[in-house]
Amino acid sequence: MAALAWLARQVGTRDVLAIDRPVRVWMQRRRHTGVRHALHVAGYAGTAPVYLGATALAVTCVAKRGHAQRTGPLLGAVIAAVAMHTGMKHSVGRTRPPGAQARGNRKPSFPSGHTTRATAVAGTIAYVLLREDILKAAVAVPLAISVPVTVGMSRAYADHHWTSDVVGGWGLGMAVAAACGLWYDALVRRARACR
């Protein structure tokens, strides 16, 4: 969280960081239709229908195992990710990259909401389903990594966000997922203590 706070402060005072323009230029020079379409599709993982649907599916799987009381962290990841990225966006007030502005998107940019939500939700779902023995590590770990990485790349590649917006989204999403993982572990310990 300290690194995320530092990054938010840097973005708030400088708006565009040293890494942002070079990475944007590099991505703009390597525009490829196939990559653009693939990343566009991947970006949907940060949208409400996808992350809410995935959360509902995970909640159902955990509840069917008789552990409905352990579904709170899954729902909490969604709520916390949305609330925290929205609050941070409005407190930092960073402007979007030129491509997003040209398309009329003038909403605050830091951190990337798609990236924050995808990271928090994928990380929490992967952790809880792994601990519930619904997913194996060979599936859970790639899920927790690949979804946030591809969503974040899609946001920068499409020029919707600066690179540091994506890094901020990863950091905030990981913090939410870690907190929800700790919450889940506390629920498991409490349930075992009550037996």
N, C-alpha and C. Protein backbone atom coordinates (compact mmCIF):
# COMPACT_ATOMS: atom_id res chain seq x y z
N MET A 1 0.82 -1.19 0.00
CA MET A 1 0.00 0.00 0.00
C MET A 1 0.86 1.25 0.00
N ALA A 2 2.03 1.19 0.63
CA ALA A 2 2.91 2.36 0.66
C ALA A 2 3.37 2.71 -0.75
N ALA A 3 3.70 1.69 -1.56
CA ALA A 3 4.12 1.93 -2.94
C ALA A 3 2.98 2.53 -3.76
N LEU A 4 1.77 2.05 -3.52
CA LEU A 4 0.61 2.59 -4.23
C LEU A 4 0.36 4.04 -3.83
N ALA A 5 0.48 4.35 -2.55
CA ALA A 5 0.32 5.73 -2.09
C ALA A 5 1.38 6.63 -2.70
N TRP A 6 2.62 6.13 -2.77
CA TRP A 6 3.69 6.91 -3.39
C TRP A 6 3.37 7.16 -4.86
N LEU A 7 2.93 6.13 -5.58
CA LEU A 7 2.60 6.28 -7.00
C LEU A 7 1.46 7.27 -7.19
N ALA A 8 0.43 7.19 -6.36
CA ALA A 8 -0.69 8.13 -6.46
C ALA A 8 -0.22 9.57 -6.24
N ARG A 9 0.70 9.74 -5.30
CA ARG A 9 1.22 11.09 -5.04
C ARG A 9 2.02 11.60 -6.24
N GLN A 10 2.85 10.73 -6.83
CA GLN A 10 3.63 11.12 -8.00
C GLN A 10 2.72 11.51 -9.17
N VAL A 11 1.70 10.71 -9.38
CA VAL A 11 0.76 10.98 -10.47
C VAL A 11 0.01 12.28 -10.21
N GLY A 12 -0.36 12.50 -8.96
CA GLY A 12 -1.09 13.71 -8.61
C GLY A 12 -0.29 14.97 -8.75
N THR A 13 1.04 14.89 -8.61
CA THR A 13 1.88 16.09 -8.72
C THR A 13 2.46 16.29 -10.11
N ARG A 14 2.65 15.19 -10.86
CA ARG A 14 3.29 15.31 -12.17
C ARG A 14 2.37 14.99 -13.34
N ASP A 15 1.27 14.34 -13.09
CA ASP A 15 0.30 13.90 -14.08
C ASP A 15 0.85 12.81 -15.00
N VAL A 16 1.90 13.09 -15.76
CA VAL A 16 2.49 12.07 -16.63
C VAL A 16 3.88 11.74 -16.09
N LEU A 17 4.10 10.47 -15.77
CA LEU A 17 5.38 10.04 -15.22
C LEU A 17 6.36 9.72 -16.34
N ALA A 18 7.63 9.58 -15.98
CA ALA A 18 8.67 9.34 -16.97
C ALA A 18 8.42 8.08 -17.80
N ILE A 19 7.82 7.07 -17.21
CA ILE A 19 7.58 5.82 -17.94
C ILE A 19 6.39 5.92 -18.91
N ASP A 20 5.48 6.82 -18.66
CA ASP A 20 4.21 6.83 -19.39
C ASP A 20 4.34 7.14 -20.88
N ARG A 21 5.01 8.20 -21.22
CA ARG A 21 5.11 8.58 -22.64
C ARG A 21 5.91 7.57 -23.48
N PRO A 22 7.09 7.12 -23.01
CA PRO A 22 7.84 6.15 -23.83
C PRO A 22 7.07 4.85 -24.07
N VAL A 23 6.40 4.34 -23.04
CA VAL A 23 5.65 3.10 -23.22
C VAL A 23 4.48 3.34 -24.17
N ARG A 24 3.81 4.48 -24.04
CA ARG A 24 2.70 4.80 -24.94
C ARG A 24 3.18 4.87 -26.38
N VAL A 25 4.29 5.55 -26.62
CA VAL A 25 4.84 5.66 -27.98
C VAL A 25 5.21 4.27 -28.50
N TRP A 26 5.85 3.46 -27.67
CA TRP A 26 6.25 2.11 -28.08
C TRP A 26 5.02 1.31 -28.50
N MET A 27 3.96 1.38 -27.69
CA MET A 27 2.73 0.63 -28.02
C MET A 27 2.05 1.17 -29.28
N GLN A 28 2.04 2.47 -29.43
CA GLN A 28 1.40 3.06 -30.61
C GLN A 28 2.12 2.66 -31.90
N ARG A 29 3.42 2.48 -31.84
CA ARG A 29 4.20 2.09 -33.02
C ARG A 29 4.03 0.62 -33.36
N ARG A 30 3.56 -0.16 -32.43
CA ARG A 30 3.41 -1.60 -32.64
C ARG A 30 1.96 -2.02 -32.70
N ARG A 31 1.14 -1.15 -33.26
CA ARG A 31 -0.28 -1.46 -33.39
C ARG A 31 -0.46 -2.58 -34.40
N HIS A 32 -1.16 -3.61 -34.00
CA HIS A 32 -1.45 -4.74 -34.87
C HIS A 32 -2.92 -5.09 -34.68
N THR A 33 -3.63 -5.26 -35.77
CA THR A 33 -5.07 -5.49 -35.70
C THR A 33 -5.42 -6.71 -34.86
N GLY A 34 -4.71 -7.82 -35.05
CA GLY A 34 -5.00 -9.02 -34.28
C GLY A 34 -4.77 -8.83 -32.79
N VAL A 35 -3.67 -8.18 -32.44
CA VAL A 35 -3.37 -7.92 -31.03
C VAL A 35 -4.41 -6.98 -30.45
N ARG A 36 -4.75 -5.95 -31.20
CA ARG A 36 -5.75 -4.98 -30.73
C ARG A 36 -7.07 -5.66 -30.44
N HIS A 37 -7.52 -6.54 -31.35
CA HIS A 37 -8.80 -7.24 -31.14
C HIS A 37 -8.72 -8.20 -29.95
N ALA A 38 -7.61 -8.93 -29.83
CA ALA A 38 -7.45 -9.87 -28.72
C ALA A 38 -7.45 -9.14 -27.38
N LEU A 39 -6.73 -8.04 -27.30
CA LEU A 39 -6.69 -7.28 -26.06
C LEU A 39 -8.01 -6.59 -25.78
N HIS A 40 -8.72 -6.18 -26.82
CA HIS A 40 -10.04 -5.58 -26.64
C HIS A 40 -10.98 -6.60 -25.97
N VAL A 41 -10.95 -7.83 -26.46
CA VAL A 41 -11.78 -8.88 -25.87
C VAL A 41 -11.33 -9.15 -24.44
N ALA A 42 -10.03 -9.22 -24.20
CA ALA A 42 -9.50 -9.47 -22.85
C ALA A 42 -9.93 -8.38 -21.88
N GLY A 43 -10.04 -7.16 -22.36
CA GLY A 43 -10.44 -6.04 -21.52
C GLY A 43 -11.82 -6.19 -20.91
N TYR A 44 -12.65 -7.02 -21.52
CA TYR A 44 -14.00 -7.24 -20.98
C TYR A 44 -13.98 -7.87 -19.60
N ALA A 45 -12.89 -8.52 -19.22
CA ALA A 45 -12.82 -9.14 -17.89
C ALA A 45 -12.90 -8.09 -16.78
N GLY A 46 -12.64 -6.84 -17.11
CA GLY A 46 -12.75 -5.77 -16.13
C GLY A 46 -14.09 -5.06 -16.15
N THR A 47 -15.06 -5.59 -16.92
CA THR A 47 -16.38 -4.97 -16.99
C THR A 47 -17.36 -5.68 -16.06
N ALA A 48 -18.38 -4.96 -15.63
CA ALA A 48 -19.33 -5.47 -14.65
C ALA A 48 -19.96 -6.81 -15.03
N PRO A 49 -20.45 -7.01 -16.27
CA PRO A 49 -21.07 -8.31 -16.55
C PRO A 49 -20.12 -9.49 -16.34
N VAL A 50 -18.85 -9.30 -16.64
CA VAL A 50 -17.90 -10.42 -16.51
C VAL A 50 -17.49 -10.62 -15.06
N TYR A 51 -17.04 -9.56 -14.38
CA TYR A 51 -16.56 -9.79 -13.02
C TYR A 51 -17.70 -10.10 -12.06
N LEU A 52 -18.89 -9.56 -12.30
CA LEU A 52 -20.03 -9.93 -11.45
C LEU A 52 -20.47 -11.36 -11.72
N GLY A 53 -20.46 -11.75 -13.00
CA GLY A 53 -20.81 -13.13 -13.35
C GLY A 53 -19.83 -14.13 -12.78
N ALA A 54 -18.54 -13.83 -12.87
CA ALA A 54 -17.52 -14.72 -12.32
C ALA A 54 -17.65 -14.82 -10.81
N THR A 55 -17.93 -13.70 -10.17
CA THR A 55 -18.11 -13.70 -8.72
C THR A 55 -19.33 -14.53 -8.33
N ALA A 56 -20.44 -14.35 -9.05
CA ALA A 56 -21.66 -15.11 -8.76
C ALA A 56 -21.40 -16.61 -8.91
N LEU A 57 -20.67 -16.99 -9.93
CA LEU A 57 -20.34 -18.40 -10.14
C LEU A 57 -19.47 -18.94 -9.00
N ALA A 58 -18.48 -18.17 -8.59
CA ALA A 58 -17.61 -18.59 -7.49
C ALA A 58 -18.40 -18.70 -6.18
N VAL A 59 -19.27 -17.72 -5.91
CA VAL A 59 -20.10 -17.76 -4.71
C VAL A 59 -20.97 -19.01 -4.71
N THR A 60 -21.56 -19.32 -5.86
CA THR A 60 -22.40 -20.51 -5.98
C THR A 60 -21.61 -21.78 -5.71
N CYS A 61 -20.41 -21.87 -6.27
CA CYS A 61 -19.57 -23.06 -6.07
C CYS A 61 -19.20 -23.25 -4.60
N VAL A 62 -18.84 -22.17 -3.93
CA VAL A 62 -18.46 -22.26 -2.52
C VAL A 62 -19.69 -22.59 -1.66
N ALA A 63 -20.81 -21.94 -1.94
CA ALA A 63 -22.04 -22.19 -1.17
C ALA A 63 -22.51 -23.63 -1.33
N LYS A 64 -22.38 -24.19 -2.54
CA LYS A 64 -22.81 -25.58 -2.77
C LYS A 64 -21.97 -26.58 -1.98
N ARG A 65 -20.80 -26.18 -1.57
CA ARG A 65 -19.95 -27.06 -0.75
C ARG A 65 -20.32 -26.96 0.73
N GLY A 66 -21.36 -26.17 1.01
CA GLY A 66 -21.80 -26.01 2.39
C GLY A 66 -21.06 -24.93 3.15
N HIS A 67 -20.40 -24.03 2.42
CA HIS A 67 -19.59 -22.99 3.07
C HIS A 67 -20.09 -21.59 2.69
N ALA A 68 -21.38 -21.39 2.75
CA ALA A 68 -21.95 -20.08 2.37
C ALA A 68 -21.37 -18.95 3.19
N GLN A 69 -21.02 -19.23 4.45
CA GLN A 69 -20.46 -18.20 5.32
C GLN A 69 -19.09 -17.72 4.84
N ARG A 70 -18.46 -18.46 3.94
CA ARG A 70 -17.13 -18.09 3.44
C ARG A 70 -17.19 -17.31 2.13
N THR A 71 -18.38 -16.94 1.67
CA THR A 71 -18.51 -16.23 0.39
C THR A 71 -18.33 -14.71 0.53
N GLY A 72 -18.34 -14.22 1.75
CA GLY A 72 -18.20 -12.78 1.98
C GLY A 72 -16.98 -12.16 1.30
N PRO A 73 -15.80 -12.78 1.40
CA PRO A 73 -14.63 -12.19 0.75
C PRO A 73 -14.77 -12.07 -0.77
N LEU A 74 -15.50 -12.99 -1.39
CA LEU A 74 -15.70 -12.91 -2.84
C LEU A 74 -16.52 -11.67 -3.18
N LEU A 75 -17.59 -11.46 -2.46
CA LEU A 75 -18.43 -10.28 -2.68
C LEU A 75 -17.70 -9.01 -2.24
N GLY A 76 -16.95 -9.13 -1.15
CA GLY A 76 -16.19 -7.98 -0.65
C GLY A 76 -15.15 -7.49 -1.63
N ALA A 77 -14.55 -8.41 -2.40
CA ALA A 77 -13.55 -8.00 -3.38
C ALA A 77 -14.15 -7.07 -4.42
N VAL A 78 -15.36 -7.38 -4.87
CA VAL A 78 -16.03 -6.54 -5.86
C VAL A 78 -16.32 -5.16 -5.27
N ILE A 79 -16.94 -5.16 -4.11
CA ILE A 79 -17.34 -3.90 -3.48
C ILE A 79 -16.13 -3.03 -3.17
N ALA A 80 -15.09 -3.63 -2.58
CA ALA A 80 -13.90 -2.87 -2.21
C ALA A 80 -13.17 -2.34 -3.44
N ALA A 81 -13.04 -3.17 -4.48
CA ALA A 81 -12.33 -2.73 -5.69
C ALA A 81 -13.04 -1.54 -6.33
N VAL A 82 -14.36 -1.62 -6.44
CA VAL A 82 -15.11 -0.51 -7.06
C VAL A 82 -15.01 0.74 -6.19
N ALA A 83 -15.24 0.59 -4.90
CA ALA A 83 -15.22 1.76 -4.01
C ALA A 83 -13.85 2.41 -3.95
N MET A 84 -12.80 1.58 -3.82
CA MET A 84 -11.46 2.15 -3.65
C MET A 84 -10.93 2.79 -4.92
N HIS A 85 -11.16 2.15 -6.08
CA HIS A 85 -10.63 2.77 -7.30
C HIS A 85 -11.41 4.04 -7.63
N THR A 86 -12.72 4.05 -7.36
CA THR A 86 -13.52 5.25 -7.62
C THR A 86 -13.07 6.39 -6.73
N GLY A 87 -12.89 6.11 -5.45
CA GLY A 87 -12.44 7.14 -4.53
C GLY A 87 -11.06 7.68 -4.88
N MET A 88 -10.15 6.78 -5.25
CA MET A 88 -8.80 7.20 -5.60
C MET A 88 -8.81 8.02 -6.89
N LYS A 89 -9.61 7.60 -7.87
CA LYS A 89 -9.67 8.35 -9.14
C LYS A 89 -10.07 9.80 -8.89
N HIS A 90 -11.08 9.98 -8.07
CA HIS A 90 -11.58 11.34 -7.85
C HIS A 90 -10.67 12.16 -6.94
N SER A 91 -9.91 11.50 -6.08
CA SER A 91 -8.99 12.26 -5.24
C SER A 91 -7.72 12.65 -6.00
N VAL A 92 -7.28 11.80 -6.94
CA VAL A 92 -6.07 12.10 -7.72
C VAL A 92 -6.42 13.01 -8.90
N GLY A 93 -7.49 12.71 -9.62
CA GLY A 93 -7.97 13.56 -10.71
C GLY A 93 -7.06 13.62 -11.93
N ARG A 94 -6.40 12.56 -12.25
CA ARG A 94 -5.47 12.54 -13.37
C ARG A 94 -6.19 12.53 -14.72
N THR A 95 -5.62 13.22 -15.71
CA THR A 95 -6.21 13.24 -17.04
C THR A 95 -5.85 11.98 -17.83
N ARG A 96 -6.71 11.63 -18.76
CA ARG A 96 -6.51 10.45 -19.60
C ARG A 96 -5.45 10.71 -20.66
N PRO A 97 -4.92 9.65 -21.28
CA PRO A 97 -4.00 9.84 -22.41
C PRO A 97 -4.75 10.43 -23.61
N PRO A 98 -4.02 10.96 -24.58
CA PRO A 98 -4.65 11.62 -25.73
C PRO A 98 -5.68 10.76 -26.48
N GLY A 99 -5.42 9.45 -26.62
CA GLY A 99 -6.36 8.60 -27.35
C GLY A 99 -7.71 8.52 -26.68
N ALA A 100 -7.71 8.41 -25.36
CA ALA A 100 -8.97 8.36 -24.61
C ALA A 100 -9.69 9.70 -24.69
N GLN A 101 -8.95 10.79 -24.59
CA GLN A 101 -9.56 12.12 -24.66
C GLN A 101 -10.17 12.36 -26.04
N ALA A 102 -9.48 11.89 -27.08
CA ALA A 102 -10.00 12.06 -28.45
C ALA A 102 -11.33 11.32 -28.63
N ARG A 103 -11.52 10.24 -27.87
CA ARG A 103 -12.78 9.49 -27.94
C ARG A 103 -13.82 10.04 -26.96
N GLY A 104 -13.51 11.15 -26.32
CA GLY A 104 -14.46 11.81 -25.44
C GLY A 104 -14.44 11.33 -24.00
N ASN A 105 -13.48 10.50 -23.63
CA ASN A 105 -13.41 10.00 -22.26
C ASN A 105 -12.58 10.97 -21.43
N ARG A 106 -13.25 11.75 -20.63
CA ARG A 106 -12.58 12.75 -19.81
C ARG A 106 -12.65 12.39 -18.31
N LYS A 107 -13.08 11.17 -18.01
CA LYS A 107 -13.14 10.74 -16.60
C LYS A 107 -11.72 10.62 -16.06
N PRO A 108 -11.56 10.75 -14.72
CA PRO A 108 -10.22 10.60 -14.14
C PRO A 108 -9.61 9.24 -14.50
N SER A 109 -8.28 9.21 -14.56
CA SER A 109 -7.59 8.07 -15.13
C SER A 109 -6.89 7.15 -14.14
N PHE A 110 -6.44 7.66 -13.00
CA PHE A 110 -5.63 6.85 -12.08
C PHE A 110 -6.42 6.44 -10.85
N PRO A 111 -6.40 5.15 -10.55
CA PRO A 111 -5.87 3.99 -11.26
C PRO A 111 -6.89 3.45 -12.26
N SER A 112 -6.45 2.56 -13.11
CA SER A 112 -7.35 1.93 -14.07
C SER A 112 -8.38 1.10 -13.32
N GLY A 113 -9.65 1.43 -13.51
CA GLY A 113 -10.72 0.69 -12.85
C GLY A 113 -10.85 -0.73 -13.35
N HIS A 114 -10.75 -0.90 -14.68
CA HIS A 114 -10.81 -2.26 -15.24
C HIS A 114 -9.73 -3.14 -14.62
N THR A 115 -8.52 -2.59 -14.54
CA THR A 115 -7.39 -3.36 -14.03
C THR A 115 -7.55 -3.65 -12.54
N THR A 116 -7.99 -2.65 -11.79
CA THR A 116 -8.21 -2.84 -10.35
C THR A 116 -9.22 -3.95 -10.10
N ARG A 117 -10.36 -3.86 -10.78
CA ARG A 117 -11.43 -4.85 -10.56
C ARG A 117 -10.99 -6.24 -11.00
N ALA A 118 -10.36 -6.33 -12.16
CA ALA A 118 -9.92 -7.64 -12.66
C ALA A 118 -8.91 -8.26 -11.72
N THR A 119 -7.97 -7.47 -11.21
CA THR A 119 -6.94 -7.98 -10.31
C THR A 119 -7.54 -8.43 -8.98
N ALA A 120 -8.39 -7.58 -8.40
CA ALA A 120 -9.00 -7.92 -7.11
C ALA A 120 -9.89 -9.15 -7.21
N VAL A 121 -10.74 -9.17 -8.22
CA VAL A 121 -11.71 -10.27 -8.33
C VAL A 121 -11.02 -11.57 -8.74
N ALA A 122 -10.16 -11.53 -9.75
CA ALA A 122 -9.47 -12.75 -10.19
C ALA A 122 -8.59 -13.31 -9.07
N GLY A 123 -7.88 -12.43 -8.38
CA GLY A 123 -7.02 -12.88 -7.29
C GLY A 123 -7.81 -13.51 -6.15
N THR A 124 -8.91 -12.87 -5.78
CA THR A 124 -9.72 -13.39 -4.69
C THR A 124 -10.40 -14.70 -5.08
N ILE A 125 -10.97 -14.75 -6.27
CA ILE A 125 -11.62 -15.98 -6.73
C ILE A 125 -10.60 -17.12 -6.78
N ALA A 126 -9.44 -16.85 -7.35
CA ALA A 126 -8.42 -17.90 -7.46
C ALA A 126 -8.02 -18.41 -6.07
N TYR A 127 -7.82 -17.50 -5.14
CA TYR A 127 -7.39 -17.90 -3.79
C TYR A 127 -8.47 -18.72 -3.08
N VAL A 128 -9.69 -18.20 -3.09
CA VAL A 128 -10.78 -18.88 -2.37
C VAL A 128 -11.07 -20.24 -3.00
N LEU A 129 -11.14 -20.30 -4.31
CA LEU A 129 -11.44 -21.58 -4.96
C LEU A 129 -10.30 -22.59 -4.81
N LEU A 130 -9.08 -22.11 -4.72
CA LEU A 130 -7.94 -22.99 -4.43
C LEU A 130 -8.05 -23.54 -3.01
N ARG A 131 -8.30 -22.67 -2.06
CA ARG A 131 -8.42 -23.09 -0.65
C ARG A 131 -9.62 -24.00 -0.42
N GLU A 132 -10.68 -23.80 -1.21
CA GLU A 132 -11.87 -24.65 -1.10
C GLU A 132 -11.68 -25.97 -1.86
N ASP A 133 -10.55 -26.12 -2.52
CA ASP A 133 -10.24 -27.31 -3.32
C ASP A 133 -11.21 -27.48 -4.50
N ILE A 134 -11.66 -26.36 -5.04
CA ILE A 134 -12.50 -26.36 -6.24
C ILE A 134 -11.61 -26.25 -7.47
N LEU A 135 -10.54 -25.46 -7.36
CA LEU A 135 -9.55 -25.33 -8.43
C LEU A 135 -8.21 -25.85 -7.93
N LYS A 136 -7.44 -26.40 -8.83
CA LYS A 136 -6.08 -26.81 -8.53
C LYS A 136 -5.16 -25.61 -8.75
N ALA A 137 -3.99 -25.65 -8.14
CA ALA A 137 -3.02 -24.55 -8.29
C ALA A 137 -2.65 -24.31 -9.74
N ALA A 138 -2.62 -25.38 -10.54
CA ALA A 138 -2.26 -25.25 -11.96
C ALA A 138 -3.27 -24.41 -12.74
N VAL A 139 -4.46 -24.25 -12.20
CA VAL A 139 -5.48 -23.40 -12.82
C VAL A 139 -5.59 -22.07 -12.09
N ALA A 140 -5.59 -22.11 -10.76
CA ALA A 140 -5.80 -20.90 -9.96
C ALA A 140 -4.70 -19.86 -10.15
N VAL A 141 -3.45 -20.30 -10.14
CA VAL A 141 -2.34 -19.35 -10.25
C VAL A 141 -2.33 -18.65 -11.61
N PRO A 142 -2.42 -19.40 -12.73
CA PRO A 142 -2.50 -18.70 -14.02
C PRO A 142 -3.71 -17.77 -14.13
N LEU A 143 -4.83 -18.15 -13.53
CA LEU A 143 -6.02 -17.29 -13.53
C LEU A 143 -5.73 -15.98 -12.82
N ALA A 144 -5.12 -16.08 -11.65
CA ALA A 144 -4.83 -14.89 -10.84
C ALA A 144 -3.81 -13.97 -11.50
N ILE A 145 -2.99 -14.51 -12.38
CA ILE A 145 -1.95 -13.70 -13.05
C ILE A 145 -2.40 -13.24 -14.44
N SER A 146 -2.91 -14.15 -15.24
CA SER A 146 -3.19 -13.83 -16.65
C SER A 146 -4.32 -12.84 -16.84
N VAL A 147 -5.37 -12.94 -16.03
CA VAL A 147 -6.50 -12.01 -16.20
C VAL A 147 -6.06 -10.58 -15.92
N PRO A 148 -5.44 -10.28 -14.78
CA PRO A 148 -5.01 -8.90 -14.54
C PRO A 148 -3.99 -8.39 -15.57
N VAL A 149 -3.05 -9.25 -15.95
CA VAL A 149 -2.02 -8.81 -16.91
C VAL A 149 -2.66 -8.44 -18.25
N THR A 150 -3.52 -9.30 -18.77
CA THR A 150 -4.12 -9.01 -20.07
C THR A 150 -5.08 -7.83 -20.02
N VAL A 151 -5.83 -7.71 -18.93
CA VAL A 151 -6.73 -6.56 -18.81
C VAL A 151 -5.91 -5.27 -18.75
N GLY A 152 -4.88 -5.27 -17.92
CA GLY A 152 -4.04 -4.08 -17.83
C GLY A 152 -3.39 -3.71 -19.15
N MET A 153 -2.85 -4.72 -19.84
CA MET A 153 -2.24 -4.44 -21.15
C MET A 153 -3.27 -3.90 -22.13
N SER A 154 -4.48 -4.42 -22.07
CA SER A 154 -5.53 -3.96 -23.00
C SER A 154 -5.84 -2.49 -22.78
N ARG A 155 -5.81 -2.03 -21.54
CA ARG A 155 -6.14 -0.64 -21.24
C ARG A 155 -5.05 0.31 -21.75
N ALA A 156 -3.79 -0.09 -21.57
CA ALA A 156 -2.69 0.76 -22.06
C ALA A 156 -2.59 0.70 -23.58
N TYR A 157 -2.74 -0.49 -24.15
CA TYR A 157 -2.60 -0.67 -25.60
C TYR A 157 -3.68 0.10 -26.36
N ALA A 158 -4.89 0.14 -25.79
CA ALA A 158 -5.99 0.86 -26.44
C ALA A 158 -5.91 2.36 -26.17
N ASP A 159 -4.93 2.81 -25.41
CA ASP A 159 -4.73 4.22 -25.08
C ASP A 159 -5.86 4.77 -24.21
N HIS A 160 -6.47 3.89 -23.40
CA HIS A 160 -7.47 4.33 -22.44
C HIS A 160 -6.81 4.80 -21.15
N HIS A 161 -5.61 4.26 -20.88
CA HIS A 161 -4.89 4.58 -19.64
C HIS A 161 -3.40 4.68 -19.88
N TRP A 162 -2.74 5.47 -19.03
CA TRP A 162 -1.29 5.52 -18.99
C TRP A 162 -0.79 4.24 -18.33
N THR A 163 0.46 3.91 -18.58
CA THR A 163 1.07 2.72 -17.97
C THR A 163 1.00 2.78 -16.44
N SER A 164 1.26 3.94 -15.87
CA SER A 164 1.23 4.05 -14.41
C SER A 164 -0.19 3.90 -13.86
N ASP A 165 -1.22 4.18 -14.67
CA ASP A 165 -2.61 3.89 -14.25
C ASP A 165 -2.80 2.39 -14.08
N VAL A 166 -2.24 1.64 -15.02
CA VAL A 166 -2.36 0.17 -14.99
C VAL A 166 -1.59 -0.39 -13.81
N VAL A 167 -0.37 0.11 -13.59
CA VAL A 167 0.43 -0.35 -12.44
C VAL A 167 -0.31 -0.04 -11.14
N GLY A 168 -0.91 1.14 -11.07
CA GLY A 168 -1.70 1.50 -9.89
C GLY A 168 -2.89 0.57 -9.71
N GLY A 169 -3.53 0.19 -10.82
CA GLY A 169 -4.66 -0.74 -10.75
C GLY A 169 -4.23 -2.11 -10.27
N TRP A 170 -3.06 -2.56 -10.75
CA TRP A 170 -2.54 -3.85 -10.26
C TRP A 170 -2.27 -3.78 -8.76
N GLY A 171 -1.63 -2.70 -8.33
CA GLY A 171 -1.31 -2.56 -6.91
C GLY A 171 -2.54 -2.50 -6.03
N LEU A 172 -3.52 -1.69 -6.42
CA LEU A 172 -4.74 -1.57 -5.63
C LEU A 172 -5.52 -2.88 -5.64
N GLY A 173 -5.61 -3.51 -6.81
CA GLY A 173 -6.32 -4.79 -6.90
C GLY A 173 -5.66 -5.87 -6.07
N MET A 174 -4.32 -5.92 -6.07
CA MET A 174 -3.62 -6.92 -5.25
C MET A 174 -3.84 -6.66 -3.76
N ALA A 175 -3.89 -5.39 -3.37
CA ALA A 175 -4.14 -5.07 -1.96
C ALA A 175 -5.53 -5.53 -1.55
N VAL A 176 -6.52 -5.31 -2.41
CA VAL A 176 -7.88 -5.76 -2.12
C VAL A 176 -7.92 -7.29 -2.05
N ALA A 177 -7.30 -7.96 -3.01
CA ALA A 177 -7.29 -9.43 -3.01
C ALA A 177 -6.59 -9.98 -1.77
N ALA A 178 -5.50 -9.35 -1.36
CA ALA A 178 -4.78 -9.81 -0.16
C ALA A 178 -5.65 -9.65 1.08
N ALA A 179 -6.34 -8.52 1.19
CA ALA A 179 -7.22 -8.29 2.34
C ALA A 179 -8.36 -9.30 2.35
N CYS A 180 -8.92 -9.58 1.19
CA CYS A 180 -10.00 -10.56 1.11
C CYS A 180 -9.51 -11.97 1.40
N GLY A 181 -8.28 -12.27 1.01
CA GLY A 181 -7.69 -13.56 1.35
C GLY A 181 -7.50 -13.72 2.86
N LEU A 182 -7.07 -12.66 3.52
CA LEU A 182 -6.93 -12.69 4.97
C LEU A 182 -8.28 -12.85 5.65
N TRP A 183 -9.29 -12.18 5.10
CA TRP A 183 -10.65 -12.29 5.62
C TRP A 183 -11.13 -13.75 5.50
N TYR A 184 -10.90 -14.33 4.31
CA TYR A 184 -11.30 -15.73 4.09
C TYR A 184 -10.60 -16.65 5.10
N ASP A 185 -9.30 -16.47 5.30
CA ASP A 185 -8.57 -17.31 6.25
C ASP A 185 -9.12 -17.16 7.66
N ALA A 186 -9.50 -15.94 8.05
CA ALA A 186 -10.08 -15.71 9.37
C ALA A 186 -11.41 -16.45 9.51
N LEU A 187 -12.21 -16.45 8.44
CA LEU A 187 -13.49 -17.17 8.47
C LEU A 187 -13.27 -18.67 8.62
N VAL A 188 -12.26 -19.21 7.93
CA VAL A 188 -11.95 -20.63 8.03
C VAL A 188 -11.51 -20.98 9.45
N ARG A 189 -10.63 -20.15 10.02
CA ARG A 189 -10.14 -20.39 11.38
C ARG A 189 -11.29 -20.34 12.39
N ARG A 190 -12.19 -19.36 12.22
CA ARG A 190 -13.31 -19.24 13.13
C ARG A 190 -14.22 -20.46 13.04
N ALA A 191 -14.48 -20.93 11.81
CA ALA A 191 -15.33 -22.11 11.62
C ALA A 191 -14.71 -23.35 12.27
N ARG A 192 -13.39 -23.49 12.17
CA ARG A 192 -12.71 -24.63 12.78
C ARG A 192 -12.74 -24.54 14.31
N ALA A 193 -12.63 -23.33 14.81
CA ALA A 193 -12.62 -23.13 16.28
C ALA A 193 -14.00 -23.43 16.88
N CYS A 194 -15.04 -23.27 16.08
CA CYS A 194 -16.41 -23.48 16.58
C CYS A 194 -16.82 -24.95 16.53
N ARG A 195 -16.01 -25.80 15.95
CA ARG A 195 -16.37 -27.23 15.85
C ARG A 195 -16.23 -27.94 17.17
